[in-house]
Amino acid sequence: MDREAVAVAIEPLRVLAHFTPGTKAIDFVAPQSDWLDIRYCAEDDDTTFYRELPEADVIWHVLRPISGDDLARARRCRLVHKMGAGVNTIDVATATDLGIAVANMPGANAPSVAEGTVLLMLAALRRLTELDHATREGRGWPSDPSLGETVRDIGGCTVGLIGYGNVAKRVERIVRAMDADVLHTSTRDDGHPDWRTLPDLLAASDIVSLHLPLTDATAAMIDRAALNGMKPGAVLVNTSRGAIVDEPALVDALSTRRLAGAGLDVFATEPVAPDNPLLRLDNVVLTPHVTWYTADTMRRYLEHGVDNCRRLRDGRELANVVNGIVSPNRPVNRDTPSQ
């Protein structure tokens, strides 16, 4: 019995990493292989996901939604660790009912998302997509005379930040260094002289940048009325969640050129449907929800992920838990029948 107890105690913690790793990621976690058994699974590979799910002690989750049914099948799981901040793609209520901790990594991707946000601002302001196409097709010379009437410097703009968390504050530092004026809004007046109500911020800003989690309160927050309240010729940038914006209303505002452009990393439905009219507009710059995805962010994610696995192994409280289960203690008998 003692030998069996020791064997259970040193059994590696099994992690289902729901992403395709690069060499740097594999090399980073390799030194932990004596106690951490990581099984990688591409986000679109449901066959592997459902094969590995029942045996996983921990799930490292990126974007593919984890449903209540998925969690019910994860009979050993004690922790779902979001590789990022937003947990809207996890059925947190079911996880809580099952005694599974849900944790996130606040601030870990903020440097990358902030830089990606400014990248989209510049690309939209400078009409990058349109100019790239024109140059490739030999239409770049002579220069389009409308550039001198429409292309803007960030330093000549007022940037309005909707949401004022880690990413927004980094964006603020960057664009202030470029001489932009910056306003922000958040849940309540924070006493800062640059705080504005949402309508006032929309009316005053040349660039509006979204930095909000997706909740019942923020879904479709930027609706037709909000878009109509923006300054004519303004640019909208969204690197938070697509469903915060009413996409049909945004298409109308961009098609009529009431808004000069948009920089979008996120969409209401992802992967974005090929018939989404946003894809056909030449005043929109698009990326596939990857402003966070850099080698630097992946290193930070893995640092956080390994740290919480170590805490779980050692029986210590987990960090950055969002559902209150800081010391999960679910049965871990591998012979338990699947649900």
Protein backbone atom coordinates (compact mmCIF):
# COMPACT_ATOMS: atom_id res chain seq x y z
CA MET A 1 0.00 0.00 0.00
CA ASP A 2 2.84 2.40 0.85
CA ARG A 3 4.43 1.83 -2.56
CA GLU A 4 1.07 2.47 -4.23
CA ALA A 5 0.64 5.70 -2.27
CA VAL A 6 4.09 6.87 -3.32
CA ALA A 7 3.31 6.01 -6.95
CA VAL A 8 0.13 8.10 -6.83
CA ALA A 9 2.00 10.97 -5.19
CA ILE A 10 4.62 11.21 -7.92
CA GLU A 11 2.30 10.56 -10.85
CA PRO A 12 2.81 13.41 -13.34
CA LEU A 13 0.15 16.04 -13.57
CA ARG A 14 -1.50 15.70 -16.97
CA VAL A 15 -2.20 18.88 -18.94
CA LEU A 16 -4.33 19.09 -22.05
CA ALA A 17 -2.84 22.08 -23.89
CA HIS A 18 -5.47 23.11 -26.41
CA PHE A 19 -3.16 24.72 -28.95
CA THR A 20 -0.44 23.78 -31.40
CA PRO A 21 2.95 24.54 -29.84
CA GLY A 22 6.03 25.89 -31.53
CA THR A 23 9.55 24.76 -30.79
CA LYS A 24 10.13 27.58 -28.31
CA ALA A 25 7.05 26.60 -26.29
CA ILE A 26 8.07 22.93 -26.19
CA ASP A 27 11.60 23.82 -25.16
CA PHE A 28 10.34 26.16 -22.44
CA VAL A 29 8.29 23.48 -20.63
CA ALA A 30 10.68 20.59 -21.31
CA PRO A 31 12.52 20.98 -17.96
CA GLN A 32 9.21 20.25 -16.15
CA SER A 33 8.66 16.90 -17.88
CA ASP A 34 9.45 14.88 -14.73
CA TRP A 35 6.22 16.07 -13.11
CA LEU A 36 4.21 17.66 -15.93
CA ASP A 37 2.78 15.49 -18.72
CA ILE A 38 1.59 17.90 -21.42
CA ARG A 39 -0.58 16.59 -24.26
CA TYR A 40 -0.99 19.10 -27.10
CA CYS A 41 -4.11 19.32 -29.22
CA ALA A 42 -4.89 21.67 -32.10
CA GLU A 43 -7.99 23.75 -31.47
CA ASP A 44 -9.79 22.25 -34.48
CA ASP A 45 -8.87 18.65 -33.62
CA ASP A 46 -11.91 17.42 -31.70
CA THR A 47 -10.88 13.77 -32.06
CA THR A 48 -7.74 14.30 -30.01
CA PHE A 49 -9.47 16.72 -27.66
CA TYR A 50 -12.17 14.25 -26.65
CA ARG A 51 -9.68 11.39 -26.42
CA GLU A 52 -7.45 13.29 -24.02
CA LEU A 53 -10.14 15.19 -22.11
CA PRO A 54 -11.18 12.48 -19.60
CA GLU A 55 -7.59 12.02 -18.40
CA ALA A 56 -6.63 15.68 -18.07
CA ASP A 57 -5.98 17.16 -14.63
CA VAL A 58 -5.58 20.63 -16.15
CA ILE A 59 -6.76 22.23 -19.38
CA TRP A 60 -4.76 25.09 -20.86
CA HIS A 61 -7.48 26.86 -22.81
CA VAL A 62 -7.06 29.43 -25.59
CA LEU A 63 -10.16 30.22 -27.70
CA ARG A 64 -12.15 27.14 -28.76
CA PRO A 65 -15.16 27.26 -26.36
CA ILE A 66 -15.32 24.76 -23.51
CA SER A 67 -18.94 23.79 -22.87
CA GLY A 68 -20.62 22.32 -19.84
CA ASP A 69 -20.76 18.98 -21.64
CA ASP A 70 -17.01 19.14 -22.25
CA LEU A 71 -16.43 19.79 -18.56
CA ALA A 72 -18.68 16.89 -17.57
CA ARG A 73 -16.50 14.59 -19.67
CA ALA A 74 -13.35 15.93 -17.99
CA ARG A 75 -13.79 13.63 -15.01
CA ARG A 76 -10.33 14.29 -13.53
CA CYS A 77 -10.04 17.98 -14.31
CA ARG A 78 -9.36 20.30 -11.39
CA LEU A 79 -8.30 23.44 -13.27
CA VAL A 80 -9.20 25.16 -16.52
CA HIS A 81 -6.54 27.79 -17.05
CA LYS A 82 -7.34 30.44 -19.64
CA MET A 83 -4.29 31.45 -21.64
CA GLY A 84 -5.34 35.08 -21.54
CA ALA A 85 -7.80 37.20 -19.61
CA GLY A 86 -11.32 36.73 -21.00
CA VAL A 87 -13.16 33.64 -19.71
CA ASN A 88 -16.32 34.12 -21.79
CA THR A 89 -15.40 31.00 -23.82
CA ILE A 90 -15.59 28.78 -20.72
CA ASP A 91 -18.82 27.59 -19.04
CA VAL A 92 -17.70 28.96 -15.69
CA ALA A 93 -20.99 28.18 -13.94
CA THR A 94 -20.77 24.48 -14.81
CA ALA A 95 -17.09 24.38 -13.87
CA THR A 96 -18.00 25.82 -10.47
CA ASP A 97 -20.81 23.28 -9.97
CA LEU A 98 -18.33 20.49 -10.76
CA GLY A 99 -15.69 21.86 -8.39
CA ILE A 100 -13.30 22.82 -11.19
CA ALA A 101 -11.25 25.97 -10.69
CA VAL A 102 -11.17 28.47 -13.52
CA ALA A 103 -8.19 30.82 -13.63
CA ASN A 104 -6.95 33.40 -16.09
CA MET A 105 -3.76 35.37 -16.74
CA PRO A 106 -4.59 39.06 -16.34
CA GLY A 107 -2.03 41.33 -17.94
CA ALA A 108 0.03 38.54 -19.49
CA ASN A 109 -0.91 39.48 -23.05
CA ALA A 110 -1.29 43.23 -22.43
CA PRO A 111 2.03 44.30 -24.01
CA SER A 112 1.32 42.37 -27.21
CA VAL A 113 -2.34 43.38 -27.50
CA ALA A 114 -1.46 47.03 -26.85
CA GLU A 115 1.13 47.03 -29.64
CA GLY A 116 -1.29 45.18 -31.94
CA THR A 117 -3.95 47.78 -31.17
CA VAL A 118 -1.66 50.63 -32.17
CA LEU A 119 -0.67 48.66 -35.27
CA LEU A 120 -4.33 48.51 -36.34
CA MET A 121 -4.81 52.19 -35.52
CA LEU A 122 -1.92 53.14 -37.78
CA ALA A 123 -2.97 50.75 -40.54
CA ALA A 124 -6.52 52.14 -40.60
CA LEU A 125 -5.42 55.78 -40.33
CA ARG A 126 -2.84 55.32 -43.11
CA ARG A 127 -5.23 53.34 -45.37
CA LEU A 128 -2.66 50.55 -45.39
CA THR A 129 -4.80 47.81 -46.92
CA GLU A 130 -5.92 50.01 -49.79
CA LEU A 131 -2.41 51.27 -50.50
CA ASP A 132 -0.91 47.80 -50.32
CA HIS A 133 -3.35 46.56 -52.94
CA ALA A 134 -2.79 49.59 -55.16
CA THR A 135 0.99 49.18 -55.01
CA ARG A 136 0.83 45.47 -55.87
CA GLU A 137 -1.38 46.28 -58.85
CA GLY A 138 0.86 49.09 -60.12
CA ARG A 139 -1.62 51.81 -59.21
CA GLY A 140 0.49 53.57 -56.58
CA TRP A 141 1.93 56.23 -58.89
CA PRO A 142 1.09 59.03 -59.18
CA SER A 143 -0.03 59.20 -55.56
CA ASP A 144 -3.72 59.34 -54.78
CA PRO A 145 -4.34 63.05 -54.07
CA SER A 146 -6.97 62.15 -51.47
CA LEU A 147 -4.22 60.89 -49.14
CA GLY A 148 -3.40 64.44 -48.16
CA GLU A 149 -7.04 64.97 -47.21
CA THR A 150 -7.73 61.72 -45.35
CA VAL A 151 -4.60 60.06 -43.95
CA ARG A 152 -3.91 61.04 -40.36
CA ASP A 153 -1.09 61.00 -37.81
CA ILE A 154 -1.94 59.47 -34.43
CA GLY A 155 -0.28 62.54 -32.93
CA GLY A 156 -2.94 64.74 -34.51
CA CYS A 157 -5.81 62.68 -33.10
CA THR A 158 -7.84 62.28 -29.95
CA VAL A 159 -7.86 58.61 -28.97
CA GLY A 160 -10.85 57.39 -26.96
CA LEU A 161 -10.38 54.21 -24.92
CA ILE A 162 -13.51 52.30 -23.94
CA GLY A 163 -12.45 50.26 -20.94
CA TYR A 164 -9.44 51.21 -18.87
CA GLY A 165 -7.64 48.05 -17.84
CA ASN A 166 -4.15 46.71 -18.46
CA VAL A 167 -4.25 46.88 -22.26
CA ALA A 168 -5.92 50.28 -22.49
CA LYS A 169 -3.41 51.86 -20.11
CA ARG A 170 -0.52 50.51 -22.20
CA VAL A 171 -2.13 51.85 -25.37
CA GLU A 172 -2.49 55.20 -23.64
CA ARG A 173 1.22 55.35 -22.82
CA ILE A 174 2.17 54.53 -26.40
CA VAL A 175 -0.11 57.01 -28.15
CA ARG A 176 0.64 59.79 -25.66
CA ALA A 177 4.30 59.32 -26.60
CA MET A 178 3.16 59.93 -30.18
CA ASP A 179 1.53 63.23 -29.03
CA ALA A 180 -2.09 62.05 -29.16
CA ASP A 181 -4.69 63.37 -26.75
CA VAL A 182 -6.32 60.52 -24.84
CA LEU A 183 -9.76 60.15 -23.26
CA HIS A 184 -11.19 57.09 -21.56
CA THR A 185 -14.42 55.77 -20.17
CA SER A 186 -15.12 52.92 -17.79
CA THR A 187 -17.89 51.59 -15.58
CA ARG A 188 -17.99 54.72 -13.42
CA ASP A 189 -16.36 58.12 -13.17
CA ASP A 190 -12.89 57.38 -11.79
CA GLY A 191 -12.11 61.00 -11.01
CA HIS A 192 -9.47 61.26 -13.72
CA PRO A 193 -9.66 64.52 -15.71
CA ASP A 194 -9.65 62.56 -18.98
CA TRP A 195 -12.64 60.39 -18.03
CA ARG A 196 -15.75 60.93 -20.16
CA THR A 197 -19.18 59.42 -20.45
CA LEU A 198 -19.48 57.04 -23.40
CA PRO A 199 -21.49 59.45 -25.58
CA ASP A 200 -19.07 62.30 -24.90
CA LEU A 201 -16.05 60.11 -25.66
CA LEU A 202 -17.55 58.88 -28.92
CA ALA A 203 -18.35 62.42 -30.06
CA ALA A 204 -14.86 63.73 -29.27
CA SER A 205 -12.60 60.92 -30.48
CA ASP A 206 -10.91 60.53 -33.86
CA ILE A 207 -9.99 56.95 -32.93
CA VAL A 208 -12.17 54.79 -30.67
CA SER A 209 -10.48 51.68 -29.28
CA LEU A 210 -12.34 48.91 -27.42
CA HIS A 211 -10.83 47.21 -24.37
CA LEU A 212 -13.71 45.43 -22.66
CA PRO A 213 -14.59 41.88 -21.63
CA LEU A 214 -17.66 40.38 -23.26
CA THR A 215 -20.49 40.30 -20.72
CA ASP A 216 -24.25 40.70 -20.81
CA ALA A 217 -23.69 44.41 -20.19
CA THR A 218 -21.16 44.91 -23.00
CA ALA A 219 -22.69 42.72 -25.72
CA ALA A 220 -23.64 44.97 -28.66
CA MET A 221 -22.65 48.04 -26.61
CA ILE A 222 -21.34 49.68 -29.78
CA ASP A 223 -24.66 49.56 -31.57
CA ARG A 224 -26.07 51.68 -34.38
CA ALA A 225 -26.80 54.58 -32.04
CA ALA A 226 -23.25 54.51 -30.62
CA LEU A 227 -21.73 54.38 -34.11
CA ASN A 228 -23.92 57.29 -35.20
CA GLY A 229 -22.64 59.17 -32.17
CA MET A 230 -19.02 58.88 -33.30
CA LYS A 231 -17.25 61.78 -34.93
CA PRO A 232 -17.67 61.66 -38.74
CA GLY A 233 -14.50 60.30 -40.31
CA ALA A 234 -13.40 58.53 -37.12
CA VAL A 235 -11.75 55.11 -36.92
CA LEU A 236 -12.92 52.18 -34.77
CA VAL A 237 -10.41 49.63 -33.46
CA ASN A 238 -11.46 46.42 -31.71
CA THR A 239 -8.98 44.00 -30.15
CA SER A 240 -11.28 42.88 -27.33
CA ARG A 241 -14.34 40.83 -28.38
CA GLY A 242 -16.26 41.01 -31.64
CA ALA A 243 -19.73 40.73 -30.14
CA ILE A 244 -19.29 44.07 -28.37
CA VAL A 245 -19.96 45.67 -31.77
CA ASP A 246 -23.14 45.45 -33.84
CA GLU A 247 -21.45 44.21 -37.04
CA PRO A 248 -24.27 45.02 -39.52
CA ALA A 249 -24.40 48.57 -38.17
CA LEU A 250 -20.61 48.83 -38.46
CA VAL A 251 -20.74 47.61 -42.06
CA ASP A 252 -23.26 50.35 -42.84
CA ALA A 253 -21.13 53.05 -41.19
CA LEU A 254 -18.04 51.94 -43.11
CA SER A 255 -19.80 51.39 -46.44
CA THR A 256 -21.23 54.91 -46.41
CA ARG A 257 -17.82 56.28 -45.30
CA ARG A 258 -19.42 57.89 -42.29
CA LEU A 259 -16.55 56.20 -40.47
CA ALA A 260 -13.22 56.45 -42.26
CA GLY A 261 -12.10 52.98 -41.33
CA ALA A 262 -11.77 50.18 -38.82
CA GLY A 263 -9.06 47.90 -37.50
CA LEU A 264 -10.53 44.60 -36.33
CA ASP A 265 -8.83 41.64 -34.69
CA VAL A 266 -12.08 40.09 -33.44
CA PHE A 267 -15.48 39.20 -34.86
CA ALA A 268 -18.92 38.32 -33.55
CA THR A 269 -18.45 34.78 -34.92
CA GLU A 270 -15.00 33.20 -35.10
CA PRO A 271 -13.57 31.93 -37.34
CA VAL A 272 -15.03 34.75 -39.38
CA ALA A 273 -17.42 33.55 -42.07
CA PRO A 274 -16.09 34.01 -45.63
CA ASP A 275 -19.28 35.86 -46.61
CA ASN A 276 -18.97 38.40 -43.79
CA PRO A 277 -19.34 41.77 -45.57
CA LEU A 278 -16.55 43.27 -43.47
CA LEU A 279 -14.12 41.19 -45.55
CA ARG A 280 -15.13 43.01 -48.71
CA LEU A 281 -14.54 46.56 -47.48
CA ASP A 282 -11.30 48.28 -48.49
CA ASN A 283 -11.35 50.61 -45.47
CA VAL A 284 -11.08 47.79 -42.94
CA VAL A 285 -7.84 46.19 -41.72
CA LEU A 286 -8.38 42.65 -40.45
CA THR A 287 -6.40 40.14 -38.39
CA PRO A 288 -7.68 36.76 -37.11
CA HIS A 289 -7.74 37.33 -33.32
CA VAL A 290 -3.94 37.25 -33.04
CA THR A 291 -2.85 40.60 -31.60
CA TRP A 292 -2.02 38.68 -28.42
CA TYR A 293 -0.11 35.93 -30.22
CA THR A 294 3.62 36.62 -29.97
CA ALA A 295 6.58 34.65 -28.71
CA ASP A 296 6.75 37.01 -25.73
CA THR A 297 3.13 36.47 -24.74
CA MET A 298 3.45 32.70 -25.14
CA ARG A 299 6.41 32.71 -22.77
CA ARG A 300 4.41 34.67 -20.20
CA TYR A 301 1.42 32.34 -20.63
CA LEU A 302 3.57 29.27 -20.08
CA GLU A 303 5.18 30.81 -17.01
CA HIS A 304 1.74 31.39 -15.50
CA GLY A 305 0.47 27.98 -16.59
CA VAL A 306 3.41 26.08 -15.12
CA ASP A 307 3.23 28.11 -11.90
CA ASN A 308 -0.43 27.22 -11.31
CA CYS A 309 0.24 23.57 -12.14
CA ARG A 310 3.00 23.59 -9.56
CA ARG A 311 0.62 25.14 -7.03
CA LEU A 312 -1.95 22.44 -7.82
CA ARG A 313 0.66 19.69 -7.43
CA ASP A 314 1.86 21.09 -4.11
CA GLY A 315 -1.61 21.66 -2.66
CA ARG A 316 -1.21 25.44 -2.54
CA GLU A 317 -3.82 28.03 -3.44
CA LEU A 318 -4.11 28.74 -7.14
CA ALA A 319 -3.42 32.19 -8.55
CA ASN A 320 -5.89 34.37 -10.50
CA VAL A 321 -8.91 32.15 -9.90
CA VAL A 322 -12.14 33.74 -11.19
CA ASN A 323 -14.73 31.38 -9.67
CA GLY A 324 -13.56 31.16 -6.06
CA ILE A 325 -12.22 27.58 -6.14
CA VAL A 326 -8.63 28.26 -5.13
CA SER A 327 -7.95 24.76 -3.75
CA PRO A 328 -9.73 22.26 -6.01
CA ASN A 329 -9.90 18.72 -4.65
CA ARG A 330 -11.74 16.50 -7.11
CA PRO A 331 -11.43 12.69 -7.21
CA VAL A 332 -8.53 11.64 -9.41
CA ASN A 333 -9.17 7.91 -9.85
CA ARG A 334 -8.38 7.12 -13.48
CA ASP A 335 -10.74 4.13 -13.26
CA THR A 336 -13.79 6.33 -12.65
CA PRO A 337 -16.33 5.74 -15.45
CA SER A 338 -16.71 8.62 -17.87
CA GLN A 339 -19.89 10.63 -17.65
